[in-house]
Amino acid sequence: MIIMKKCAYCDKTNNKISNEHIISKAFIKKYYEIGKGYINAEEKYTQNFPTVRDVCIKCNNENLNKLDTYFREFYEKYIPTYVINELSEIKIEYDFNKLSAWVLKTLYNSERKNSYSHLPKKMHRLKEYILGKDNRTKLFKIYVELIRDIDKEEIKRHHPDPNIEVPDKIDYLRIGNTVFSDQLETGVTDTFKYIVTSNFVFHVFLLNPNELGESKAKVLLDRYLKVANISRISFLDPLKKALTLKASNRTIVDMLEKTFEGEKHVTDRMREEL
C-alpha cells in the first residue's frame, strides 16, 4: 500500500508534494547573496537554501507563492539603503492579511525545519489563516521594530584585524525564538518569535488559546520589552494600512548578544560576512 504524504498546510494527501523554501530562494538571492546561516537542525553553517518537503504543489504554487511575491515587493519598496541611526524613521504601508500571513508562513516553515526540543510546536494552529481560509487574529499579535545599524568603528574595535574594511551596512536575515527562563521550568504557554530582515524585526506573540485576556497579554509584552531592553516597538494593527516606524535603541548585536542563538550566529557571521 502506498502512503501519500500529507501537506503541512491543507492536510490533503492526494496532491504531489514539493519543496517549500523556508524563506523564498528568489528573495535571498536578491538581497542576501553573501548570506550564510546557522541551521540548528543540522548544527552547521550553510549557504544552501533550507527547505521543507511537506507542502503540496497546489499550496506552494498558489497561496504561498503569492505571499512571497507580496513580501518581495514590500521589502523592495521599504528596505533601507541608508544607515539607520537613532533619529531615523520609516513610514510603511501594508496589507495586513498578506504581510502577517507571510511572517507566520515563514515562522511555520522554520519551526518544522529547525525545531527546538524544549519548545512546543504551535505554528500549525495558524495554517488556515496563512492560506486565507480563516481571518481571525486572536492567536497572535505582531509588532515591528526598526533596529539601528551597527557602528562600523565599533566593529573595527572588536575585530581581530584592525585594518578590516567595514561596509556602512550589514543586512542580517534571522529567525528565532524568545522564551523566558521560568517558562522552560513551568511549561511554555506563550511564545515570542521573531524574524530579522535588514533593519526590520517582526516580533510575533503567539497567544495561548485558553488564556486570551488582554491584561495577561499586556503583562507579558511589557515584560518582553523590559527584558529585551526595547525602547521603541510598533503594533502592526490589523485595522490600519500604514505605520511610522521610529528607530529603536538596539542593533542586531544588542538584540542577540545574550542569547544562545546570538552566540552561534552574530559574532561568527559578522566576521564571515566581512
Protein backbone atom coordinates (compact mmCIF):
# COMPACT_ATOMS: atom_id res chain seq x y z
CA MET A 1 0.00 0.00 0.00
CA ILE A 2 1.34 3.44 -0.95
CA ILE A 3 1.06 6.01 1.83
CA MET A 4 0.74 9.54 0.46
CA LYS A 5 2.40 12.34 2.43
CA LYS A 6 0.05 14.90 3.93
CA CYS A 7 0.51 18.57 3.06
CA ALA A 8 1.55 20.62 6.09
CA TYR A 9 -0.87 23.38 5.08
CA CYS A 10 -4.05 21.91 3.55
CA ASP A 11 -3.73 18.40 5.07
CA LYS A 12 -4.59 16.79 1.75
CA THR A 13 -2.78 13.63 0.64
CA ASN A 14 -3.86 13.49 -2.99
CA ASN A 15 -1.60 16.29 -4.28
CA LYS A 16 2.03 15.93 -5.28
CA ILE A 17 4.48 17.10 -2.60
CA SER A 18 7.15 19.69 -3.42
CA ASN A 19 9.98 21.56 -1.70
CA GLU A 20 8.99 24.75 0.07
CA HIS A 21 11.82 27.16 0.93
CA ILE A 22 11.74 28.43 4.49
CA ILE A 23 12.39 31.86 3.03
CA SER A 24 11.91 32.39 -0.70
CA LYS A 25 15.03 31.48 -2.68
CA ALA A 26 14.45 34.40 -5.04
CA PHE A 27 14.28 36.78 -2.07
CA ILE A 28 17.51 35.51 -0.51
CA LYS A 29 19.41 35.54 -3.82
CA LYS A 30 18.42 39.12 -4.49
CA TYR A 31 19.08 40.64 -1.08
CA TYR A 32 21.36 38.26 0.83
CA GLU A 33 23.82 36.84 -1.68
CA ILE A 34 26.56 36.66 0.91
CA GLY A 35 24.20 35.14 3.43
CA LYS A 36 25.42 32.15 5.38
CA GLY A 37 23.22 31.00 8.23
CA TYR A 38 23.38 28.54 11.10
CA ILE A 39 20.82 25.72 10.89
CA ASN A 40 20.07 24.31 14.33
CA ALA A 41 18.63 21.05 12.98
CA GLU A 42 21.87 20.35 11.09
CA GLU A 43 24.19 22.00 13.64
CA LYS A 44 26.20 23.75 10.96
CA TYR A 45 26.51 26.88 8.87
CA THR A 46 25.28 26.56 5.31
CA GLN A 47 24.96 28.61 2.16
CA ASN A 48 22.17 26.39 0.91
CA PHE A 49 18.55 27.48 0.82
CA PRO A 50 16.89 25.37 3.55
CA THR A 51 13.64 23.69 2.50
CA VAL A 52 10.89 21.55 3.95
CA ARG A 53 9.46 18.79 1.79
CA ASP A 54 5.93 18.54 3.10
CA VAL A 55 3.95 21.10 1.06
CA CYS A 56 1.76 20.17 -1.88
CA ILE A 57 2.29 21.80 -5.26
CA LYS A 58 -1.12 23.45 -5.14
CA CYS A 59 -0.47 25.27 -1.85
CA ASN A 60 3.10 26.06 -2.83
CA ASN A 61 2.39 27.47 -6.28
CA GLU A 62 -0.80 29.30 -5.42
CA ASN A 63 -1.24 30.59 -1.87
CA LEU A 64 2.34 30.55 -0.58
CA ASN A 65 3.94 31.90 -3.75
CA LYS A 66 1.57 34.89 -3.67
CA LEU A 67 2.73 35.69 -0.13
CA ASP A 68 6.39 35.51 -1.18
CA THR A 69 5.67 37.83 -4.11
CA TYR A 70 3.93 40.31 -1.82
CA PHE A 71 6.80 40.39 0.66
CA ARG A 72 9.46 40.82 -2.04
CA GLU A 73 7.56 43.84 -3.36
CA PHE A 74 7.06 45.21 0.17
CA TYR A 75 10.75 44.73 1.01
CA GLU A 76 11.98 46.25 -2.23
CA LYS A 77 9.89 49.34 -1.55
CA TYR A 78 10.92 49.86 2.07
CA ILE A 79 14.35 48.26 2.62
CA PRO A 80 16.66 50.99 3.98
CA THR A 81 19.59 51.58 1.64
CA TYR A 82 20.98 54.17 4.04
CA VAL A 83 22.33 53.87 7.57
CA ILE A 84 19.63 53.74 10.24
CA ASN A 85 20.58 55.75 13.32
CA GLU A 86 18.75 56.85 16.45
CA LEU A 87 16.93 59.66 14.58
CA SER A 88 15.73 57.58 11.63
CA GLU A 89 12.11 56.80 10.86
CA ILE A 90 10.35 55.00 8.03
CA LYS A 91 6.70 55.08 7.06
CA ILE A 92 5.40 51.79 5.68
CA GLU A 93 2.10 50.98 4.03
CA TYR A 94 0.93 47.40 4.28
CA ASP A 95 -1.78 44.87 3.56
CA PHE A 96 -2.14 43.29 6.99
CA ASN A 97 -3.52 39.95 5.81
CA LYS A 98 -0.71 39.40 3.31
CA LEU A 99 2.14 40.74 5.45
CA SER A 100 1.08 38.85 8.57
CA ALA A 101 0.48 35.64 6.58
CA TRP A 102 3.99 35.85 5.09
CA VAL A 103 5.53 36.34 8.55
CA LEU A 104 3.55 33.43 10.00
CA LYS A 105 4.26 31.18 6.99
CA THR A 106 7.98 31.80 7.35
CA LEU A 107 7.89 31.01 11.07
CA TYR A 108 5.82 27.86 10.43
CA ASN A 109 8.30 26.66 7.80
CA SER A 110 11.20 27.38 10.15
CA GLU A 111 9.54 25.59 13.06
CA ARG A 112 9.13 22.40 11.01
CA LYS A 113 12.72 22.50 9.71
CA ASN A 114 14.58 23.93 12.66
CA SER A 115 12.67 22.96 15.79
CA TYR A 116 13.94 23.05 19.36
CA SER A 117 13.16 20.07 21.60
CA HIS A 118 12.24 22.26 24.59
CA LEU A 119 9.76 24.40 22.63
CA PRO A 120 6.29 23.12 21.73
CA LYS A 121 5.28 23.42 18.08
CA LYS A 122 2.49 25.97 17.76
CA MET A 123 2.51 27.37 14.26
CA HIS A 124 0.24 24.66 12.82
CA ARG A 125 -2.64 26.39 14.60
CA LEU A 126 -2.30 29.23 12.10
CA LYS A 127 -2.08 27.34 8.81
CA GLU A 128 -5.70 28.10 7.88
CA TYR A 129 -5.02 31.79 8.45
CA ILE A 130 -1.86 31.57 6.31
CA LEU A 131 -3.90 30.04 3.48
CA GLY A 132 -6.51 32.81 3.77
CA LYS A 133 -9.23 30.44 4.97
CA ASP A 134 -9.52 31.96 8.43
CA ASN A 135 -9.31 35.71 9.12
CA ARG A 136 -9.29 35.52 12.91
CA THR A 137 -6.25 37.11 14.54
CA LYS A 138 -6.88 36.18 18.19
CA LEU A 139 -4.00 33.68 18.34
CA PHE A 140 -1.22 36.15 17.54
CA LYS A 141 -0.06 39.74 17.70
CA ILE A 142 2.70 41.19 15.52
CA TYR A 143 4.98 44.08 16.48
CA VAL A 144 7.60 45.76 14.30
CA GLU A 145 10.94 47.19 15.42
CA LEU A 146 13.32 49.29 13.32
CA ILE A 147 16.79 48.41 14.61
CA ARG A 148 19.80 50.67 14.12
CA ASP A 149 22.82 49.76 12.04
CA ILE A 150 25.97 48.71 13.86
CA ASP A 151 28.53 51.47 14.13
CA LYS A 152 31.41 50.35 11.91
CA GLU A 153 34.02 51.88 14.23
CA GLU A 154 32.68 49.64 16.98
CA ILE A 155 33.05 46.60 14.69
CA LYS A 156 36.65 47.57 13.96
CA ARG A 157 37.40 47.82 17.68
CA HIS A 158 36.19 44.27 18.26
CA HIS A 159 37.53 42.67 15.09
CA PRO A 160 40.87 40.77 15.21
CA ASP A 161 42.06 42.57 12.07
CA PRO A 162 42.38 46.34 12.82
CA ASN A 163 42.67 47.13 9.11
CA ILE A 164 39.44 45.41 8.11
CA GLU A 165 37.30 47.26 5.59
CA VAL A 166 33.83 47.55 7.10
CA PRO A 167 30.77 48.37 4.97
CA ASP A 168 28.32 51.01 6.18
CA LYS A 169 25.54 48.44 6.38
CA ILE A 170 25.43 44.72 7.17
CA ASP A 171 21.98 43.31 6.47
CA TYR A 172 21.03 40.33 8.59
CA LEU A 173 18.44 37.65 7.98
CA ARG A 174 17.47 35.72 11.12
CA ILE A 175 14.61 33.68 12.52
CA GLY A 176 14.49 32.85 16.21
CA ASN A 177 12.58 32.41 19.46
CA THR A 178 12.47 34.30 22.74
CA VAL A 179 11.33 32.37 25.80
CA PHE A 180 11.62 33.44 29.44
CA SER A 181 13.73 31.09 31.58
CA ASP A 182 10.93 30.41 34.05
CA GLN A 183 8.67 29.33 31.18
CA LEU A 184 11.05 26.48 30.45
CA GLU A 185 10.67 25.34 34.06
CA THR A 186 6.90 25.67 34.31
CA GLY A 187 5.94 24.91 30.70
CA VAL A 188 5.80 27.27 27.74
CA THR A 189 2.30 28.58 27.06
CA ASP A 190 3.03 31.87 25.29
CA THR A 191 5.97 32.38 22.99
CA PHE A 192 7.66 35.26 21.21
CA LYS A 193 9.21 34.50 17.83
CA TYR A 194 10.96 36.95 15.54
CA ILE A 195 12.19 37.47 12.01
CA VAL A 196 15.02 39.91 11.31
CA THR A 197 15.28 41.19 7.73
CA SER A 198 17.78 44.01 7.35
CA ASN A 199 16.64 46.70 9.83
CA PHE A 200 13.13 45.30 10.26
CA VAL A 201 12.32 42.97 13.14
CA PHE A 202 8.90 41.31 13.17
CA HIS A 203 8.11 40.20 16.73
CA VAL A 204 5.29 37.66 16.83
CA PHE A 205 3.48 36.99 20.09
CA LEU A 206 1.78 33.57 19.98
CA LEU A 207 -1.05 33.52 22.48
CA ASN A 208 -2.32 30.55 24.44
CA PRO A 209 -5.84 29.93 23.02
CA ASN A 210 -7.13 29.16 26.54
CA GLU A 211 -5.86 32.42 28.04
CA LEU A 212 -6.67 35.25 25.68
CA GLY A 213 -7.15 38.08 28.15
CA GLU A 214 -5.78 41.46 27.03
CA SER A 215 -4.44 42.18 30.53
CA LYS A 216 -2.36 38.99 30.55
CA ALA A 217 -1.05 39.72 27.06
CA LYS A 218 -0.05 43.25 28.13
CA VAL A 219 1.83 41.98 31.18
CA LEU A 220 3.81 39.53 29.05
CA LEU A 221 4.52 42.15 26.38
CA ASP A 222 5.73 44.67 28.98
CA ARG A 223 8.00 42.01 30.44
CA TYR A 224 9.34 41.12 27.00
CA LEU A 225 10.13 44.77 26.24
CA LYS A 226 11.88 45.19 29.59
CA VAL A 227 13.96 42.01 29.41
CA ALA A 228 14.91 42.66 25.78
CA ASN A 229 15.56 46.37 26.51
CA ILE A 230 13.39 47.56 23.62
CA SER A 231 12.57 51.26 23.83
CA ARG A 232 10.52 51.56 20.64
CA ILE A 233 8.27 48.99 19.05
CA SER A 234 5.08 49.40 16.99
CA PHE A 235 1.96 47.27 16.86
CA LEU A 236 1.05 46.05 13.39
CA ASP A 237 -2.64 46.92 13.57
CA PRO A 238 -4.98 44.68 11.53
CA LEU A 239 -7.37 47.63 11.12
CA LYS A 240 -4.81 50.04 9.66
CA LYS A 241 -2.82 50.21 6.44
CA ALA A 242 0.14 52.40 7.38
CA LEU A 243 2.64 52.71 10.20
CA THR A 244 5.52 55.05 11.02
CA LEU A 245 8.50 53.22 12.50
CA LYS A 246 10.95 55.17 14.63
CA ALA A 247 14.41 53.73 15.20
CA SER A 248 14.84 51.55 18.24
CA ASN A 249 17.68 51.86 20.73
CA ARG A 250 19.05 48.47 19.60
CA THR A 251 21.28 46.97 16.93
CA ILE A 252 21.37 43.31 15.89
CA VAL A 253 24.19 42.74 18.41
CA ASP A 254 22.16 44.28 21.23
CA MET A 255 19.28 42.06 20.21
CA LEU A 256 21.09 38.73 20.14
CA GLU A 257 24.32 39.01 22.11
CA LYS A 258 22.95 37.42 25.30
CA THR A 259 21.13 34.58 23.60
CA PHE A 260 22.21 31.08 22.66
CA GLU A 261 21.37 31.89 19.06
CA GLY A 262 23.37 35.09 19.25
CA GLU A 263 26.47 33.25 20.40
CA LYS A 264 26.23 30.91 17.42
CA HIS A 265 25.25 33.49 14.86
CA VAL A 266 26.10 37.12 15.33
CA THR A 267 29.81 37.16 16.16
CA ASP A 268 30.85 34.41 13.77
CA ARG A 269 28.66 35.56 10.94
CA MET A 270 29.75 39.18 11.29
CA ARG A 271 33.35 38.07 10.80
CA GLU A 272 32.48 35.82 7.87
CA GLU A 273 30.49 38.48 6.05
CA LEU A 274 33.30 40.98 6.38
